[in-house]
């Protein structure tokens, strides 16, 4: 039996970064012999067919470990005809959205249509929707296929993806982070809110999408780093004024508030480096009520 020759990839591969949606995920493509500048539109080959995208990273060499095979190619830089065809597809997507809404109502389906997308070559029409549970949309697909005469695909998306597609304003008054600059979602946990000493009130730490706010993650690493150097609340410490118990901390400022043993009502603030941890108070079990609703905010 003949052994197949294994072709090793070079350590670095020349690629460009392409995005298909506003603030969507960036995908790598091989530019071949083309020199493509950031901001140019390109026609690329993807797993679902020929697509139109925006170059957000010009020709650059990256380690082969960052490549998800197979690395597909850029077919060409978009021409004026390509631009025109893309605009026509955008108009047809709006028409398809209205038609699909009517079909959903006709079939009495409990689903919310979010967006419609044509592949550039018009070989497939994708409908993005959200729903509380599973939806039997087989008859809807048949109905849509008879109208549009192309392959139909319905994709159920999560509540965070729905917010990213639709957009809106957050509780801060600014446009959603996911719509303006976050290309992908990262895991956000209740632990991050606790470390930042935020109120564990679901209404205050959840975004419009109903999940924990993405911005809880922005300062998370800084808090983790500073908390490692800061005595914990209920630590028994030695201070320049005697022994006491830490009752409050400010990790970013590097400060701790200590209730001195010599005068149980006196609380003084110290720089954390000026106190020495001697031990910890024993905490009572279940002394902190757990809000079960908070667990539902974490995006699993």
C-alpha atoms as a PDB file:
ATOM      1  CA  UNK A   1       0.000   0.000   0.000  1.00  0.00           C
ATOM      2  CA  UNK A   2       1.443   3.335  -1.096  1.00  0.00           C
ATOM      3  CA  UNK A   3       1.959   6.010   1.537  1.00  0.00           C
ATOM      4  CA  UNK A   4       0.474   9.417   0.804  1.00  0.00           C
ATOM      5  CA  UNK A   5       2.889  12.307   0.796  1.00  0.00           C
ATOM      6  CA  UNK A   6       2.114  14.820   3.547  1.00  0.00           C
ATOM      7  CA  UNK A   7       2.614  18.410   2.404  1.00  0.00           C
ATOM      8  CA  UNK A   8       3.673  20.630   5.290  1.00  0.00           C
ATOM      9  CA  UNK A   9       2.235  24.127   5.419  1.00  0.00           C
ATOM     10  CA  UNK A  10       4.726  26.990   5.574  1.00  0.00           C
ATOM     11  CA  UNK A  11       5.214  28.479   9.016  1.00  0.00           C
ATOM     12  CA  UNK A  12       3.578  31.694   7.844  1.00  0.00           C
ATOM     13  CA  UNK A  13       0.775  32.142   5.331  1.00  0.00           C
ATOM     14  CA  UNK A  14      -0.208  35.296   3.462  1.00  0.00           C
ATOM     15  CA  UNK A  15      -3.867  36.141   4.002  1.00  0.00           C
ATOM     16  CA  UNK A  16      -6.356  38.995   4.029  1.00  0.00           C
ATOM     17  CA  UNK A  17      -9.185  39.485   6.541  1.00  0.00           C
ATOM     18  CA  UNK A  18     -12.724  39.686   5.160  1.00  0.00           C
ATOM     19  CA  UNK A  19     -15.941  40.614   6.923  1.00  0.00           C
ATOM     20  CA  UNK A  20     -19.388  39.887   5.447  1.00  0.00           C
ATOM     21  CA  UNK A  21     -21.536  41.810   7.928  1.00  0.00           C
ATOM     22  CA  UNK A  22     -21.099  45.020   9.854  1.00  0.00           C
ATOM     23  CA  UNK A  23     -18.881  44.126  12.839  1.00  0.00           C
ATOM     24  CA  UNK A  24     -19.237  40.449  11.921  1.00  0.00           C
ATOM     25  CA  UNK A  25     -16.521  37.861  12.409  1.00  0.00           C
ATOM     26  CA  UNK A  26     -13.357  38.303  10.334  1.00  0.00           C
ATOM     27  CA  UNK A  27     -12.413  35.363   8.090  1.00  0.00           C
ATOM     28  CA  UNK A  28      -9.045  34.700   6.456  1.00  0.00           C
ATOM     29  CA  UNK A  29      -8.728  34.181   2.696  1.00  0.00           C
ATOM     30  CA  UNK A  30      -5.754  33.617   0.434  1.00  0.00           C
ATOM     31  CA  UNK A  31      -5.204  36.677  -1.812  1.00  0.00           C
ATOM     32  CA  UNK A  32      -3.052  34.719  -4.265  1.00  0.00           C
ATOM     33  CA  UNK A  33      -1.104  37.252  -6.339  1.00  0.00           C
ATOM     34  CA  UNK A  34      -3.545  40.081  -5.616  1.00  0.00           C
ATOM     35  CA  UNK A  35      -2.585  43.098  -3.493  1.00  0.00           C
ATOM     36  CA  UNK A  36      -5.760  44.091  -1.677  1.00  0.00           C
ATOM     37  CA  UNK A  37      -6.071  47.211   0.443  1.00  0.00           C
ATOM     38  CA  UNK A  38      -8.199  47.655   3.522  1.00  0.00           C
ATOM     39  CA  UNK A  39     -11.619  49.027   2.588  1.00  0.00           C
ATOM     40  CA  UNK A  40     -11.808  47.342  -0.804  1.00  0.00           C
ATOM     41  CA  UNK A  41     -14.711  45.017  -1.562  1.00  0.00           C
ATOM     42  CA  UNK A  42     -13.830  41.515  -2.756  1.00  0.00           C
ATOM     43  CA  UNK A  43     -15.489  38.442  -4.221  1.00  0.00           C
ATOM     44  CA  UNK A  44     -14.450  35.288  -2.378  1.00  0.00           C
ATOM     45  CA  UNK A  45     -15.158  31.579  -2.427  1.00  0.00           C
ATOM     46  CA  UNK A  46     -16.812  30.271   0.769  1.00  0.00           C
ATOM     47  CA  UNK A  47     -18.302  26.999   1.978  1.00  0.00           C
ATOM     48  CA  UNK A  48     -21.769  28.200   1.000  1.00  0.00           C
ATOM     49  CA  UNK A  49     -20.797  29.628  -2.397  1.00  0.00           C
ATOM     50  CA  UNK A  50     -19.457  32.826  -3.896  1.00  0.00           C
ATOM     51  CA  UNK A  51     -19.762  35.782  -1.521  1.00  0.00           C
ATOM     52  CA  UNK A  52     -19.256  39.547  -1.495  1.00  0.00           C
ATOM     53  CA  UNK A  53     -17.268  40.942   1.430  1.00  0.00           C
ATOM     54  CA  UNK A  54     -15.230  43.850   2.746  1.00  0.00           C
ATOM     55  CA  UNK A  55     -11.480  43.626   3.241  1.00  0.00           C
ATOM     56  CA  UNK A  56     -10.720  44.787   6.808  1.00  0.00           C
ATOM     57  CA  UNK A  57      -7.113  43.548   6.899  1.00  0.00           C
ATOM     58  CA  UNK A  58      -4.819  43.938   3.899  1.00  0.00           C
ATOM     59  CA  UNK A  59      -2.200  41.379   2.812  1.00  0.00           C
ATOM     60  CA  UNK A  60      -0.431  40.069   5.885  1.00  0.00           C
ATOM     61  CA  UNK A  61       1.523  36.991   6.902  1.00  0.00           C
ATOM     62  CA  UNK A  62       0.124  35.083   9.897  1.00  0.00           C
ATOM     63  CA  UNK A  63       1.297  31.850  11.608  1.00  0.00           C
ATOM     64  CA  UNK A  64      -0.243  28.728  10.053  1.00  0.00           C
ATOM     65  CA  UNK A  65      -1.623  27.850  13.508  1.00  0.00           C
ATOM     66  CA  UNK A  66      -4.133  30.705  13.097  1.00  0.00           C
ATOM     67  CA  UNK A  67      -5.499  29.250   9.865  1.00  0.00           C
ATOM     68  CA  UNK A  68      -8.643  27.124   9.922  1.00  0.00           C
ATOM     69  CA  UNK A  69      -8.317  24.805   6.894  1.00  0.00           C
ATOM     70  CA  UNK A  70      -9.230  24.822   4.149  1.00  0.00           C
ATOM     71  CA  UNK A  71      -7.963  28.328   3.338  1.00  0.00           C
ATOM     72  CA  UNK A  72     -10.199  29.519   0.507  1.00  0.00           C
ATOM     73  CA  UNK A  73      -9.247  32.025  -2.159  1.00  0.00           C
ATOM     74  CA  UNK A  74     -10.130  35.550  -3.199  1.00  0.00           C
ATOM     75  CA  UNK A  75     -11.589  35.324  -6.689  1.00  0.00           C
ATOM     76  CA  UNK A  76     -11.226  39.017  -7.546  1.00  0.00           C
ATOM     77  CA  UNK A  77     -11.494  42.558  -6.312  1.00  0.00           C
ATOM     78  CA  UNK A  78     -15.139  43.599  -6.712  1.00  0.00           C
ATOM     79  CA  UNK A  79     -15.933  45.355  -9.988  1.00  0.00           C
ATOM     80  CA  UNK A  80     -18.629  47.965 -10.669  1.00  0.00           C
ATOM     81  CA  UNK A  81     -20.875  45.167 -11.955  1.00  0.00           C
ATOM     82  CA  UNK A  82     -20.310  43.281  -8.694  1.00  0.00           C
ATOM     83  CA  UNK A  83     -21.204  46.385  -6.696  1.00  0.00           C
ATOM     84  CA  UNK A  84     -24.387  46.804  -8.703  1.00  0.00           C
ATOM     85  CA  UNK A  85     -25.327  43.160  -8.253  1.00  0.00           C
ATOM     86  CA  UNK A  86     -24.773  43.450  -4.497  1.00  0.00           C
ATOM     87  CA  UNK A  87     -27.080  46.477  -4.331  1.00  0.00           C
ATOM     88  CA  UNK A  88     -29.742  44.580  -6.282  1.00  0.00           C
ATOM     89  CA  UNK A  89     -29.461  41.690  -3.822  1.00  0.00           C
ATOM     90  CA  UNK A  90     -29.941  44.113  -0.930  1.00  0.00           C
ATOM     91  CA  UNK A  91     -33.188  45.345  -2.477  1.00  0.00           C
ATOM     92  CA  UNK A  92     -34.388  41.793  -3.074  1.00  0.00           C
ATOM     93  CA  UNK A  93     -33.598  40.915   0.552  1.00  0.00           C
ATOM     94  CA  UNK A  94     -36.010  43.613   1.765  1.00  0.00           C
ATOM     95  CA  UNK A  95     -38.725  42.257  -0.513  1.00  0.00           C
ATOM     96  CA  UNK A  96     -38.025  38.694   0.666  1.00  0.00           C
ATOM     97  CA  UNK A  97     -38.300  39.854   4.283  1.00  0.00           C
ATOM     98  CA  UNK A  98     -41.823  41.212   3.757  1.00  0.00           C
ATOM     99  CA  UNK A  99     -42.912  38.099   1.836  1.00  0.00           C
ATOM    100  CA  UNK A 100     -41.567  35.795   4.566  1.00  0.00           C
ATOM    101  CA  UNK A 101     -43.391  37.755   7.270  1.00  0.00           C
ATOM    102  CA  UNK A 102     -46.636  37.111   5.422  1.00  0.00           C
ATOM    103  CA  UNK A 103     -45.868  33.406   5.075  1.00  0.00           C
ATOM    104  CA  UNK A 104     -45.031  33.084   8.781  1.00  0.00           C
ATOM    105  CA  UNK A 105     -48.361  34.649   9.676  1.00  0.00           C
ATOM    106  CA  UNK A 106     -50.142  32.404   7.182  1.00  0.00           C
ATOM    107  CA  UNK A 107     -48.657  29.251   8.756  1.00  0.00           C
ATOM    108  CA  UNK A 108     -49.247  30.545  12.286  1.00  0.00           C
ATOM    109  CA  UNK A 109     -45.663  29.958  13.419  1.00  0.00           C
ATOM    110  CA  UNK A 110     -44.335  31.292  16.741  1.00  0.00           C
ATOM    111  CA  UNK A 111     -41.118  32.795  15.379  1.00  0.00           C
ATOM    112  CA  UNK A 112     -39.617  36.255  14.943  1.00  0.00           C
ATOM    113  CA  UNK A 113     -37.972  37.018  11.600  1.00  0.00           C
ATOM    114  CA  UNK A 114     -34.730  38.941  12.158  1.00  0.00           C
ATOM    115  CA  UNK A 115     -32.935  39.245   8.827  1.00  0.00           C
ATOM    116  CA  UNK A 116     -32.734  37.916   5.273  1.00  0.00           C
ATOM    117  CA  UNK A 117     -29.580  37.352   3.241  1.00  0.00           C
ATOM    118  CA  UNK A 118     -28.909  36.287  -0.350  1.00  0.00           C
ATOM    119  CA  UNK A 119     -25.614  34.660  -1.228  1.00  0.00           C
ATOM    120  CA  UNK A 120     -23.856  36.726  -3.886  1.00  0.00           C
ATOM    121  CA  UNK A 121     -24.460  34.132  -6.599  1.00  0.00           C
ATOM    122  CA  UNK A 122     -28.173  33.893  -5.609  1.00  0.00           C
ATOM    123  CA  UNK A 123     -27.879  30.124  -5.140  1.00  0.00           C
ATOM    124  CA  UNK A 124     -29.200  30.347  -1.574  1.00  0.00           C
ATOM    125  CA  UNK A 125     -31.555  32.559   0.407  1.00  0.00           C
ATOM    126  CA  UNK A 126     -31.084  32.574   4.182  1.00  0.00           C
ATOM    127  CA  UNK A 127     -33.703  33.625   6.729  1.00  0.00           C
ATOM    128  CA  UNK A 128     -32.553  34.329  10.290  1.00  0.00           C
ATOM    129  CA  UNK A 129     -35.157  34.038  13.049  1.00  0.00           C
ATOM    130  CA  UNK A 130     -35.490  33.708  16.806  1.00  0.00           C
ATOM    131  CA  UNK A 131     -37.993  31.645  18.774  1.00  0.00           C
ATOM    132  CA  UNK A 132     -38.507  30.445  22.337  1.00  0.00           C
ATOM    133  CA  UNK A 133     -38.316  26.790  21.340  1.00  0.00           C
ATOM    134  CA  UNK A 134     -38.092  24.524  18.315  1.00  0.00           C
ATOM    135  CA  UNK A 135     -40.191  25.456  15.300  1.00  0.00           C
ATOM    136  CA  UNK A 136     -41.481  23.085  12.633  1.00  0.00           C
ATOM    137  CA  UNK A 137     -40.913  25.246   9.557  1.00  0.00           C
ATOM    138  CA  UNK A 138     -40.892  22.497   6.896  1.00  0.00           C
ATOM    139  CA  UNK A 139     -44.055  23.737   5.210  1.00  0.00           C
ATOM    140  CA  UNK A 140     -42.773  27.304   5.369  1.00  0.00           C
ATOM    141  CA  UNK A 141     -39.580  26.282   3.555  1.00  0.00           C
ATOM    142  CA  UNK A 142     -41.582  24.598   0.797  1.00  0.00           C
ATOM    143  CA  UNK A 143     -43.760  27.685   0.445  1.00  0.00           C
ATOM    144  CA  UNK A 144     -40.744  30.021   0.251  1.00  0.00           C
ATOM    145  CA  UNK A 145     -38.946  27.772  -2.252  1.00  0.00           C
ATOM    146  CA  UNK A 146     -41.964  27.876  -4.571  1.00  0.00           C
ATOM    147  CA  UNK A 147     -41.871  31.692  -4.477  1.00  0.00           C
ATOM    148  CA  UNK A 148     -38.117  32.381  -4.799  1.00  0.00           C
ATOM    149  CA  UNK A 149     -37.099  29.361  -6.920  1.00  0.00           C
ATOM    150  CA  UNK A 150     -33.799  28.898  -5.074  1.00  0.00           C
ATOM    151  CA  UNK A 151     -32.402  26.997  -2.092  1.00  0.00           C
ATOM    152  CA  UNK A 152     -33.958  28.153   1.168  1.00  0.00           C
ATOM    153  CA  UNK A 153     -32.264  27.941   4.561  1.00  0.00           C
ATOM    154  CA  UNK A 154     -33.793  28.983   7.885  1.00  0.00           C
ATOM    155  CA  UNK A 155     -31.402  29.591  10.772  1.00  0.00           C
ATOM    156  CA  UNK A 156     -32.528  29.991  14.358  1.00  0.00           C
ATOM    157  CA  UNK A 157     -30.257  32.408  16.242  1.00  0.00           C
ATOM    158  CA  UNK A 158     -29.799  33.278  19.905  1.00  0.00           C
ATOM    159  CA  UNK A 159     -30.891  36.442  21.665  1.00  0.00           C
ATOM    160  CA  UNK A 160     -27.385  37.959  21.620  1.00  0.00           C
ATOM    161  CA  UNK A 161     -27.065  37.441  17.864  1.00  0.00           C
ATOM    162  CA  UNK A 162     -30.508  38.989  17.443  1.00  0.00           C
ATOM    163  CA  UNK A 163     -29.369  42.115  19.306  1.00  0.00           C
ATOM    164  CA  UNK A 164     -26.209  42.278  17.177  1.00  0.00           C
ATOM    165  CA  UNK A 165     -28.200  42.136  13.934  1.00  0.00           C
ATOM    166  CA  UNK A 166     -30.923  44.590  14.910  1.00  0.00           C
ATOM    167  CA  UNK A 167     -28.876  47.023  17.005  1.00  0.00           C
ATOM    168  CA  UNK A 168     -30.160  49.595  19.471  1.00  0.00           C
ATOM    169  CA  UNK A 169     -29.128  51.621  22.517  1.00  0.00           C
ATOM    170  CA  UNK A 170     -27.771  50.146  25.734  1.00  0.00           C
ATOM    171  CA  UNK A 171     -28.525  51.301  29.278  1.00  0.00           C
ATOM    172  CA  UNK A 172     -25.465  53.566  28.981  1.00  0.00           C
ATOM    173  CA  UNK A 173     -27.190  55.481  26.199  1.00  0.00           C
ATOM    174  CA  UNK A 174     -24.686  54.399  23.547  1.00  0.00           C
ATOM    175  CA  UNK A 175     -25.226  52.008  20.590  1.00  0.00           C
ATOM    176  CA  UNK A 176     -24.746  48.320  21.395  1.00  0.00           C
ATOM    177  CA  UNK A 177     -21.086  47.283  21.646  1.00  0.00           C
ATOM    178  CA  UNK A 178     -21.855  44.156  19.619  1.00  0.00           C
ATOM    179  CA  UNK A 179     -23.220  46.299  16.798  1.00  0.00           C
ATOM    180  CA  UNK A 180     -20.440  48.891  16.754  1.00  0.00           C
ATOM    181  CA  UNK A 181     -17.089  47.219  17.498  1.00  0.00           C
ATOM    182  CA  UNK A 182     -17.368  43.700  18.962  1.00  0.00           C
ATOM    183  CA  UNK A 183     -16.760  41.209  16.162  1.00  0.00           C
ATOM    184  CA  UNK A 184     -17.469  38.174  18.327  1.00  0.00           C
ATOM    185  CA  UNK A 185     -19.074  37.358  21.681  1.00  0.00           C
ATOM    186  CA  UNK A 186     -16.994  36.355  24.696  1.00  0.00           C
ATOM    187  CA  UNK A 187     -18.170  34.511  27.791  1.00  0.00           C
ATOM    188  CA  UNK A 188     -19.425  36.824  30.554  1.00  0.00           C
ATOM    189  CA  UNK A 189     -20.040  35.508  34.071  1.00  0.00           C
ATOM    190  CA  UNK A 190     -21.626  36.646  37.331  1.00  0.00           C
ATOM    191  CA  UNK A 191     -18.187  36.222  38.924  1.00  0.00           C
ATOM    192  CA  UNK A 192     -17.014  39.246  36.927  1.00  0.00           C
ATOM    193  CA  UNK A 193     -19.769  41.395  38.412  1.00  0.00           C
ATOM    194  CA  UNK A 194     -18.902  40.187  41.923  1.00  0.00           C
ATOM    195  CA  UNK A 195     -15.194  40.935  41.476  1.00  0.00           C
ATOM    196  CA  UNK A 196     -16.059  44.485  40.386  1.00  0.00           C
ATOM    197  CA  UNK A 197     -18.282  44.907  43.453  1.00  0.00           C
ATOM    198  CA  UNK A 198     -21.343  45.624  41.306  1.00  0.00           C
ATOM    199  CA  UNK A 199     -24.895  45.240  42.489  1.00  0.00           C
ATOM    200  CA  UNK A 200     -26.070  41.693  41.802  1.00  0.00           C
ATOM    201  CA  UNK A 201     -29.375  43.012  40.549  1.00  0.00           C
ATOM    202  CA  UNK A 202     -30.373  41.403  37.260  1.00  0.00           C
ATOM    203  CA  UNK A 203     -31.887  44.672  36.024  1.00  0.00           C
ATOM    204  CA  UNK A 204     -28.614  46.547  36.560  1.00  0.00           C
ATOM    205  CA  UNK A 205     -26.098  44.106  35.080  1.00  0.00           C
ATOM    206  CA  UNK A 206     -28.082  42.707  32.146  1.00  0.00           C
ATOM    207  CA  UNK A 207     -28.180  44.260  28.699  1.00  0.00           C
ATOM    208  CA  UNK A 208     -31.125  44.912  26.424  1.00  0.00           C
ATOM    209  CA  UNK A 209     -30.685  41.384  25.038  1.00  0.00           C
ATOM    210  CA  UNK A 210     -31.462  39.932  28.461  1.00  0.00           C
ATOM    211  CA  UNK A 211     -27.962  38.522  29.014  1.00  0.00           C
ATOM    212  CA  UNK A 212     -25.119  39.839  31.165  1.00  0.00           C
ATOM    213  CA  UNK A 213     -23.671  43.036  29.696  1.00  0.00           C
ATOM    214  CA  UNK A 214     -20.619  42.472  27.494  1.00  0.00           C
ATOM    215  CA  UNK A 215     -18.884  45.462  29.130  1.00  0.00           C
ATOM    216  CA  UNK A 216     -18.537  43.498  32.389  1.00  0.00           C
ATOM    217  CA  UNK A 217     -15.603  41.790  30.691  1.00  0.00           C
ATOM    218  CA  UNK A 218     -13.700  44.937  29.694  1.00  0.00           C
ATOM    219  CA  UNK A 219     -12.090  45.536  33.109  1.00  0.00           C
ATOM    220  CA  UNK A 220     -12.297  41.950  34.330  1.00  0.00           C
ATOM    221  CA  UNK A 221      -8.595  41.135  33.812  1.00  0.00           C
ATOM    222  CA  UNK A 222      -7.511  44.319  35.615  1.00  0.00           C
ATOM    223  CA  UNK A 223      -9.724  43.450  38.596  1.00  0.00           C
ATOM    224  CA  UNK A 224      -8.445  39.849  38.684  1.00  0.00           C
ATOM    225  CA  UNK A 225      -4.853  41.089  38.714  1.00  0.00           C
ATOM    226  CA  UNK A 226      -5.451  43.689  41.441  1.00  0.00           C
ATOM    227  CA  UNK A 227      -7.585  41.349  43.584  1.00  0.00           C
ATOM    228  CA  UNK A 228      -4.689  38.880  43.793  1.00  0.00           C
ATOM    229  CA  UNK A 229      -2.616  41.607  45.516  1.00  0.00           C
ATOM    230  CA  UNK A 230      -5.440  42.874  47.751  1.00  0.00           C
ATOM    231  CA  UNK A 231      -6.478  41.330  51.111  1.00  0.00           C
ATOM    232  CA  UNK A 232      -9.974  39.872  50.943  1.00  0.00           C
ATOM    233  CA  UNK A 233     -12.936  41.163  52.919  1.00  0.00           C
ATOM    234  CA  UNK A 234     -13.029  39.521  56.403  1.00  0.00           C
ATOM    235  CA  UNK A 235      -9.239  39.073  56.395  1.00  0.00           C
ATOM    236  CA  UNK A 236      -7.509  39.414  59.770  1.00  0.00           C
ATOM    237  CA  UNK A 237      -4.721  41.935  59.201  1.00  0.00           C
ATOM    238  CA  UNK A 238      -1.966  43.718  61.042  1.00  0.00           C
ATOM    239  CA  UNK A 239      -1.899  47.494  60.492  1.00  0.00           C
ATOM    240  CA  UNK A 240       0.371  50.315  61.711  1.00  0.00           C
ATOM    241  CA  UNK A 241      -2.379  51.036  64.281  1.00  0.00           C
ATOM    242  CA  UNK A 242      -2.883  47.471  65.468  1.00  0.00           C
ATOM    243  CA  UNK A 243      -4.808  44.379  64.373  1.00  0.00           C
ATOM    244  CA  UNK A 244      -8.181  44.545  62.648  1.00  0.00           C
ATOM    245  CA  UNK A 245     -10.557  43.043  60.122  1.00  0.00           C
ATOM    246  CA  UNK A 246     -10.881  44.141  56.480  1.00  0.00           C
ATOM    247  CA  UNK A 247     -14.452  45.334  55.900  1.00  0.00           C
ATOM    248  CA  UNK A 248     -14.149  46.926  52.447  1.00  0.00           C
ATOM    249  CA  UNK A 249     -11.667  46.936  49.566  1.00  0.00           C
ATOM    250  CA  UNK A 250     -10.899  49.109  46.541  1.00  0.00           C
ATOM    251  CA  UNK A 251      -8.644  46.920  44.342  1.00  0.00           C
ATOM    252  CA  UNK A 252      -7.975  49.440  41.560  1.00  0.00           C
ATOM    253  CA  UNK A 253      -6.941  52.147  44.040  1.00  0.00           C
ATOM    254  CA  UNK A 254      -5.017  49.628  46.155  1.00  0.00           C
ATOM    255  CA  UNK A 255      -6.886  50.617  49.332  1.00  0.00           C
ATOM    256  CA  UNK A 256      -8.519  48.619  52.143  1.00  0.00           C
ATOM    257  CA  UNK A 257     -10.804  49.701  54.970  1.00  0.00           C
ATOM    258  CA  UNK A 258     -10.081  48.020  58.306  1.00  0.00           C
ATOM    259  CA  UNK A 259     -12.185  47.853  61.477  1.00  0.00           C
ATOM    260  CA  UNK A 260      -9.628  48.015  64.277  1.00  0.00           C
ATOM    261  CA  UNK A 261      -9.921  45.553  67.165  1.00  0.00           C
ATOM    262  CA  UNK A 262      -8.902  48.191  69.708  1.00  0.00           C
ATOM    263  CA  UNK A 263     -12.038  50.166  68.905  1.00  0.00           C
ATOM    264  CA  UNK A 264     -14.677  48.077  67.168  1.00  0.00           C
ATOM    265  CA  UNK A 265     -16.424  51.173  65.772  1.00  0.00           C
ATOM    266  CA  UNK A 266     -13.299  52.774  64.295  1.00  0.00           C
ATOM    267  CA  UNK A 267     -12.698  52.152  60.583  1.00  0.00           C
ATOM    268  CA  UNK A 268      -9.528  53.418  58.945  1.00  0.00           C
ATOM    269  CA  UNK A 269      -8.318  53.300  55.334  1.00  0.00           C
ATOM    270  CA  UNK A 270      -4.875  51.910  54.496  1.00  0.00           C
ATOM    271  CA  UNK A 271      -2.773  51.321  51.425  1.00  0.00           C
ATOM    272  CA  UNK A 272      -2.881  47.540  50.948  1.00  0.00           C
ATOM    273  CA  UNK A 273       0.925  47.243  51.017  1.00  0.00           C
ATOM    274  CA  UNK A 274       0.959  48.687  54.544  1.00  0.00           C
ATOM    275  CA  UNK A 275      -1.131  45.843  56.024  1.00  0.00           C
ATOM    276  CA  UNK A 276      -0.195  42.203  56.572  1.00  0.00           C
ATOM    277  CA  UNK A 277      -2.692  39.324  56.365  1.00  0.00           C
ATOM    278  CA  UNK A 278      -2.661  37.100  59.471  1.00  0.00           C
ATOM    279  CA  UNK A 279      -5.705  34.935  58.802  1.00  0.00           C
ATOM    280  CA  UNK A 280      -9.398  34.890  57.890  1.00  0.00           C
ATOM    281  CA  UNK A 281     -12.692  34.995  59.753  1.00  0.00           C
ATOM    282  CA  UNK A 282     -14.845  31.898  59.478  1.00  0.00           C
ATOM    283  CA  UNK A 283     -17.826  32.694  57.264  1.00  0.00           C
ATOM    284  CA  UNK A 284     -21.255  31.319  57.944  1.00  0.00           C
ATOM    285  CA  UNK A 285     -22.704  29.085  55.252  1.00  0.00           C
ATOM    286  CA  UNK A 286     -25.475  30.497  53.091  1.00  0.00           C
ATOM    287  CA  UNK A 287     -25.060  33.967  54.615  1.00  0.00           C
ATOM    288  CA  UNK A 288     -25.408  35.533  51.163  1.00  0.00           C
ATOM    289  CA  UNK A 289     -28.718  35.003  49.360  1.00  0.00           C
ATOM    290  CA  UNK A 290     -28.391  33.630  45.846  1.00  0.00           C
ATOM    291  CA  UNK A 291     -30.545  35.158  43.132  1.00  0.00           C
ATOM    292  CA  UNK A 292     -31.496  32.237  40.898  1.00  0.00           C
ATOM    293  CA  UNK A 293     -32.545  34.677  38.162  1.00  0.00           C
ATOM    294  CA  UNK A 294     -28.922  35.794  37.799  1.00  0.00           C
ATOM    295  CA  UNK A 295     -27.870  32.331  36.634  1.00  0.00           C
ATOM    296  CA  UNK A 296     -30.247  32.635  33.686  1.00  0.00           C
ATOM    297  CA  UNK A 297     -28.367  35.745  32.501  1.00  0.00           C
ATOM    298  CA  UNK A 298     -25.176  33.847  31.803  1.00  0.00           C
ATOM    299  CA  UNK A 299     -24.935  32.881  28.164  1.00  0.00           C
ATOM    300  CA  UNK A 300     -24.168  29.162  28.176  1.00  0.00           C
END
